[in-house]
Protein backbone atom coordinates (compact mmCIF):
# COMPACT_ATOMS: atom_id res chain seq x y z
CA UNK A 1 -77.80 83.61 6.46
CA UNK A 2 -74.64 82.85 4.49
CA UNK A 3 -75.89 84.79 1.49
CA UNK A 4 -76.57 87.80 3.71
CA UNK A 5 -73.03 87.53 5.10
CA UNK A 6 -71.52 87.24 1.61
CA UNK A 7 -73.46 90.36 0.59
CA UNK A 8 -71.75 92.37 3.32
CA UNK A 9 -73.71 91.52 6.45
CA UNK A 10 -76.14 93.62 8.47
CA UNK A 11 -79.03 92.83 6.15
CA UNK A 12 -81.89 90.41 5.57
CA UNK A 13 -81.92 87.81 2.82
CA UNK A 14 -85.09 85.84 2.16
CA UNK A 15 -84.84 82.21 1.10
CA UNK A 16 -86.90 81.94 -2.07
CA UNK A 17 -87.65 79.57 -4.92
CA UNK A 18 -84.44 80.38 -6.80
CA UNK A 19 -82.39 79.71 -3.70
CA UNK A 20 -84.11 76.36 -3.25
CA UNK A 21 -83.38 75.40 -6.88
CA UNK A 22 -79.75 76.47 -6.56
CA UNK A 23 -79.33 74.47 -3.36
CA UNK A 24 -80.96 71.43 -4.93
CA UNK A 25 -78.64 71.72 -7.94
CA UNK A 26 -75.56 71.92 -5.71
CA UNK A 27 -76.70 68.85 -3.76
CA UNK A 28 -77.13 66.94 -7.00
CA UNK A 29 -73.68 67.93 -8.24
CA UNK A 30 -72.12 67.02 -4.90
CA UNK A 31 -73.73 63.57 -5.02
CA UNK A 32 -72.81 63.00 -8.69
CA UNK A 33 -69.20 64.04 -8.11
CA UNK A 34 -68.61 61.01 -5.89
CA UNK A 35 -68.85 58.71 -8.91
CA UNK A 36 -67.70 61.09 -11.67
CA UNK A 37 -64.01 60.27 -11.34
CA UNK A 38 -64.53 56.50 -11.21
CA UNK A 39 -66.84 56.72 -14.23
CA UNK A 40 -64.16 58.70 -16.13
CA UNK A 41 -66.49 61.62 -16.70
CA UNK A 42 -63.68 64.18 -16.27
CA UNK A 43 -61.46 65.18 -19.17
CA UNK A 44 -59.01 67.92 -20.03
CA UNK A 45 -59.33 70.53 -22.72
CA UNK A 46 -56.23 72.49 -23.71
CA UNK A 47 -55.90 76.16 -24.61
CA UNK A 48 -52.70 77.02 -26.54
CA UNK A 49 -50.20 79.63 -25.36
CA UNK A 50 -48.22 81.66 -27.90
CA UNK A 51 -44.69 82.99 -27.45
CA UNK A 52 -44.65 86.54 -28.82
CA UNK A 53 -40.91 86.45 -29.45
CA UNK A 54 -40.99 83.38 -31.71
CA UNK A 55 -44.62 83.44 -32.88
CA UNK A 56 -44.94 79.77 -31.96
CA UNK A 57 -47.19 77.74 -29.68
CA UNK A 58 -44.96 76.62 -26.81
CA UNK A 59 -47.48 75.21 -24.34
CA UNK A 60 -51.11 74.81 -23.38
CA UNK A 61 -53.19 75.29 -20.26
CA UNK A 62 -55.11 72.20 -19.19
CA UNK A 63 -58.71 73.06 -18.32
CA UNK A 64 -60.98 70.63 -16.51
CA UNK A 65 -64.32 69.61 -18.04
CA UNK A 66 -67.02 67.33 -16.66
CA UNK A 67 -69.02 65.25 -19.10
CA UNK A 68 -72.12 64.96 -16.94
CA UNK A 69 -74.40 62.15 -18.19
CA UNK A 70 -77.53 64.31 -17.87
CA UNK A 71 -76.34 67.93 -17.81
CA UNK A 72 -73.83 67.68 -20.66
CA UNK A 73 -70.37 69.24 -20.79
CA UNK A 74 -69.77 71.40 -17.72
CA UNK A 75 -66.97 73.95 -17.27
CA UNK A 76 -65.31 74.70 -13.91
CA UNK A 77 -67.62 77.69 -13.47
CA UNK A 78 -70.49 75.20 -13.22
CA UNK A 79 -69.00 72.86 -10.61
CA UNK A 80 -65.57 73.85 -9.31
CA UNK A 81 -66.76 75.37 -6.04
CA UNK A 82 -68.70 72.17 -5.31
CA UNK A 83 -65.74 70.00 -6.32
CA UNK A 84 -63.37 71.87 -3.98
CA UNK A 85 -65.72 71.08 -1.08
CA UNK A 86 -65.94 67.42 -2.07
CA UNK A 87 -63.80 64.50 -0.94
CA UNK A 88 -63.43 63.68 -4.65
CA UNK A 89 -61.12 66.66 -5.20
CA UNK A 90 -57.96 65.07 -3.81
CA UNK A 91 -58.17 62.23 -6.33
CA UNK A 92 -59.03 64.69 -9.09
CA UNK A 93 -55.96 66.84 -8.36
CA UNK A 94 -53.71 63.78 -8.50
CA UNK A 95 -55.32 62.67 -11.80
CA UNK A 96 -54.95 66.17 -13.25
CA UNK A 97 -51.19 66.25 -12.71
CA UNK A 98 -50.65 62.73 -14.01
CA UNK A 99 -52.73 63.26 -17.15
CA UNK A 100 -50.98 66.57 -17.86
CA UNK A 101 -47.59 64.82 -17.76
CA UNK A 102 -48.79 61.98 -19.99
CA UNK A 103 -50.13 64.43 -22.55
CA UNK A 104 -46.96 66.52 -22.47
CA UNK A 105 -44.90 63.35 -23.00
CA UNK A 106 -47.09 62.39 -25.97
CA UNK A 107 -46.67 65.79 -27.61
CA UNK A 108 -42.93 65.81 -27.00
CA UNK A 109 -42.52 62.32 -28.45
CA UNK A 110 -44.56 63.16 -31.54
CA UNK A 111 -42.79 66.47 -32.19
CA UNK A 112 -39.33 65.83 -30.71
CA UNK A 113 -39.42 69.24 -29.00
CA UNK A 114 -40.14 70.47 -25.46
CA UNK A 115 -43.77 71.39 -24.78
CA UNK A 116 -45.24 72.63 -21.51
CA UNK A 117 -48.64 71.86 -20.00
CA UNK A 118 -50.00 74.23 -17.35
CA UNK A 119 -52.37 73.03 -14.63
CA UNK A 120 -54.35 75.02 -12.08
CA UNK A 121 -53.96 73.78 -8.52
CA UNK A 122 -56.01 74.66 -5.46
CA UNK A 123 -54.76 75.52 -1.99
CA UNK A 124 -55.83 72.06 -0.85
CA UNK A 125 -53.57 70.29 -3.34
CA UNK A 126 -50.61 72.56 -2.70
CA UNK A 127 -50.80 72.53 1.09
CA UNK A 128 -52.20 69.11 1.98
CA UNK A 129 -50.03 66.74 -0.02
CA UNK A 130 -46.36 66.20 -0.75
CA UNK A 131 -46.57 68.05 -4.05
CA UNK A 132 -42.91 67.57 -5.00
CA UNK A 133 -43.12 63.81 -4.45
CA UNK A 134 -46.33 63.59 -6.49
CA UNK A 135 -44.83 65.60 -9.36
CA UNK A 136 -41.59 63.61 -9.37
CA UNK A 137 -43.44 60.27 -9.39
CA UNK A 138 -45.92 61.39 -12.07
CA UNK A 139 -43.14 62.71 -14.33
CA UNK A 140 -41.16 59.49 -13.97
CA UNK A 141 -44.24 57.40 -14.74
CA UNK A 142 -44.84 59.45 -17.91
CA UNK A 143 -41.15 59.25 -18.90
CA UNK A 144 -40.86 63.01 -19.18
CA UNK A 145 -38.88 65.71 -17.37
CA UNK A 146 -40.73 67.62 -14.60
CA UNK A 147 -39.95 70.79 -16.59
CA UNK A 148 -42.83 69.83 -18.91
CA UNK A 149 -45.21 71.01 -16.17
CA UNK A 150 -46.23 74.56 -15.29
CA UNK A 151 -48.23 74.99 -12.08
CA UNK A 152 -50.68 77.89 -12.02
CA UNK A 153 -51.88 79.34 -8.72
CA UNK A 154 -53.95 82.39 -7.95
CA UNK A 155 -52.96 85.08 -5.49
CA UNK A 156 -55.79 84.05 -3.17
CA UNK A 157 -54.56 80.44 -3.11
CA UNK A 158 -51.05 81.58 -2.22
CA UNK A 159 -52.18 83.96 0.49
CA UNK A 160 -54.40 81.36 2.20
CA UNK A 161 -51.15 80.03 3.68
CA UNK A 162 -48.18 81.88 2.23
CA UNK A 163 -45.51 79.91 4.08
CA UNK A 164 -46.88 76.50 3.07
CA UNK A 165 -47.50 77.55 -0.54
CA UNK A 166 -44.08 79.12 -0.89
CA UNK A 167 -42.39 76.02 0.53
CA UNK A 168 -44.29 73.60 -1.72
CA UNK A 169 -43.75 75.69 -4.86
CA UNK A 170 -40.04 76.12 -4.11
CA UNK A 171 -39.68 72.34 -3.84
CA UNK A 172 -41.30 71.66 -7.23
CA UNK A 173 -39.28 74.44 -8.86
CA UNK A 174 -36.13 72.66 -7.76
CA UNK A 175 -37.35 69.71 -9.84
CA UNK A 176 -37.59 71.96 -12.92
CA UNK A 177 -41.31 72.77 -12.78
CA UNK A 178 -42.23 76.38 -13.55
CA UNK A 179 -44.77 78.34 -11.51
CA UNK A 180 -47.23 80.92 -12.85
CA UNK A 181 -49.23 83.41 -10.81
CA UNK A 182 -52.69 83.40 -12.41
CA UNK A 183 -55.20 86.28 -12.66
CA UNK A 184 -52.52 88.74 -11.59
CA UNK A 185 -53.82 92.13 -10.52
CA UNK A 186 -57.22 90.95 -9.26
CA UNK A 187 -56.23 89.65 -5.82
CA UNK A 188 -53.82 90.88 -3.18
CA UNK A 189 -51.12 92.04 -5.62
CA UNK A 190 -48.70 92.74 -2.79
CA UNK A 191 -45.26 93.72 -4.02
CA UNK A 192 -43.80 92.42 -0.76
CA UNK A 193 -44.95 88.83 -1.33
CA UNK A 194 -44.22 88.95 -5.07
CA UNK A 195 -40.51 89.40 -4.34
CA UNK A 196 -40.54 86.39 -1.98
CA UNK A 197 -42.76 84.01 -3.93
CA UNK A 198 -41.08 81.46 -6.24
CA UNK A 199 -42.71 82.52 -9.52
CA UNK A 200 -41.52 82.26 -13.14
CA UNK A 201 -44.45 83.93 -14.90
CA UNK A 202 -47.34 86.21 -14.07
CA UNK A 203 -50.53 85.95 -16.08
CA UNK A 204 -52.05 89.38 -16.55
CA UNK A 205 -55.77 89.03 -15.95
CA UNK A 206 -58.08 89.28 -18.94
CA UNK A 207 -59.99 92.19 -17.35
CA UNK A 208 -56.97 94.44 -17.98
CA UNK A 209 -56.61 93.16 -21.54
CA UNK A 210 -60.27 93.83 -22.32
CA UNK A 211 -60.01 97.35 -20.92
CA UNK A 212 -57.14 98.11 -23.31
CA UNK A 213 -59.60 98.46 -26.18
CA UNK A 214 -62.44 100.13 -24.25
CA UNK A 215 -62.53 103.89 -24.85
CA UNK A 216 -63.39 104.72 -21.24
CA UNK A 217 -60.59 102.65 -19.67
CA UNK A 218 -57.86 102.30 -22.32
CA UNK A 219 -55.45 104.88 -20.87
CA UNK A 220 -55.63 103.47 -17.35
CA UNK A 221 -55.38 99.86 -18.58
CA UNK A 222 -52.42 100.76 -20.79
CA UNK A 223 -50.59 102.20 -17.78
CA UNK A 224 -51.44 99.18 -15.61
CA UNK A 225 -50.24 96.58 -18.13
CA UNK A 226 -47.11 98.60 -18.90
CA UNK A 227 -46.33 98.77 -15.17
CA UNK A 228 -46.89 95.02 -14.71
CA UNK A 229 -44.55 94.22 -17.59
CA UNK A 230 -41.86 96.60 -16.28
CA UNK A 231 -42.12 95.15 -12.76
CA UNK A 232 -41.93 91.59 -14.06
CA UNK A 233 -38.87 92.33 -16.17
CA UNK A 234 -37.12 93.92 -13.20
CA UNK A 235 -37.77 90.76 -11.17
CA UNK A 236 -36.80 88.39 -13.98
CA UNK A 237 -40.37 87.13 -14.41
CA UNK A 238 -42.06 86.49 -17.77
CA UNK A 239 -45.54 87.84 -18.56
CA UNK A 240 -48.51 86.15 -20.22
CA UNK A 241 -51.52 88.24 -21.25
CA UNK A 242 -54.79 86.33 -20.85
CA UNK A 243 -58.08 86.73 -22.66
CA UNK A 244 -56.76 87.90 -26.05
CA UNK A 245 -59.85 87.99 -28.27
CA UNK A 246 -59.09 90.60 -30.93
CA UNK A 247 -56.15 91.58 -33.12
CA UNK A 248 -56.21 95.02 -31.52
CA UNK A 249 -55.63 93.49 -28.08
CA UNK A 250 -52.93 91.26 -29.53
CA UNK A 251 -51.13 94.25 -31.02
CA UNK A 252 -51.32 96.27 -27.81
CA UNK A 253 -49.97 93.62 -25.43
CA UNK A 254 -47.16 92.88 -27.88
CA UNK A 255 -46.35 96.58 -28.10
CA UNK A 256 -46.33 96.80 -24.30
CA UNK A 257 -43.74 94.03 -24.08
CA UNK A 258 -45.65 90.95 -22.93
CA UNK A 259 -43.75 87.71 -23.53
CA UNK A 260 -46.70 85.44 -24.34
CA UNK A 261 -50.45 85.45 -24.91
CA UNK A 262 -53.43 83.19 -24.46
CA UNK A 263 -57.05 83.60 -25.50
CA UNK A 264 -59.71 82.84 -28.09
CA UNK A 265 -57.79 84.68 -30.83
CA UNK A 266 -54.92 82.23 -30.38
CA UNK A 267 -57.18 79.24 -29.82
CA UNK A 268 -60.19 78.12 -27.82
CA UNK A 269 -59.92 75.25 -25.32
CA UNK A 270 -60.00 72.03 -27.36
CA UNK A 271 -59.26 68.35 -26.97
CA UNK A 272 -55.60 67.39 -27.14
CA UNK A 273 -55.87 65.98 -30.68
CA UNK A 274 -56.63 69.46 -32.03
CA UNK A 275 -53.56 71.17 -30.53
CA UNK A 276 -50.59 71.67 -32.86
CA UNK A 277 -47.45 72.08 -30.71
CA UNK A 278 -45.04 74.72 -32.01
CA UNK A 279 -47.38 75.76 -34.80
CA UNK A 280 -46.44 79.17 -36.21
CA UNK A 281 -49.17 81.79 -35.80
CA UNK A 282 -49.27 85.32 -37.12
CA UNK A 283 -52.02 87.91 -37.38
CA UNK A 284 -51.35 90.08 -40.40
CA UNK A 285 -48.29 92.23 -39.80
CA UNK A 286 -48.93 92.19 -36.06
CA UNK A 287 -47.67 88.69 -35.31
CA UNK A 288 -45.08 88.51 -38.09
């Protein structure tokens, strides 16, 4: 029934063998999640972010991974929807923020320079807890300024309760935390809410970046990215292009005026020990 509704309604969907296997898998994950946090099966991988003005790594996005004892290393695509429905998520969100601060403090101590860690938060975390109090306490415990944290939210998360999200994000920004709007251009993309939402950066979704180098869509994608950059500049918001995988994409987003980039060309998600804060990166004459 739910599958038929998700597919648009007014149709029949038969429950088959694949559906039974998928349901069984979800039940297993839901049951295993209850003990995953206590067993320290979660860990963070970090994907570096490059400042196009300086050519240096200035931060990294923290990405959740689950070291499942039987299924191996799982990415959020494998379990996030189940986790968000689980009672284990509240503790996981708290752990995510605290670990991000501890890692940022470690990098800053080792390199004697500021370094930001970005974390993705759900609507549940933003709306159902005192986010500012949690951030302030976690930063103090890690002996680092709250400005070491960047909170990433999607448009859909914000619009689930705009008033509550805007209030919570405004409070953490007053502490020095920056806020990024993730996957920009794929959700509501309302100019009205963009002017009222406390945002420091927008992350241009990778689908636009990939279309920049596709013959059939390059002109339209070029216009879209150029418009996003112009709008962001007018509002005093920085831009980060996601999903950079080729030097051609790198060159185009730099030419279009993006402030920063993230993607496999810059670095794949890795354990913290493999990140080099403020490393200088260039790609031929493009990144020089």
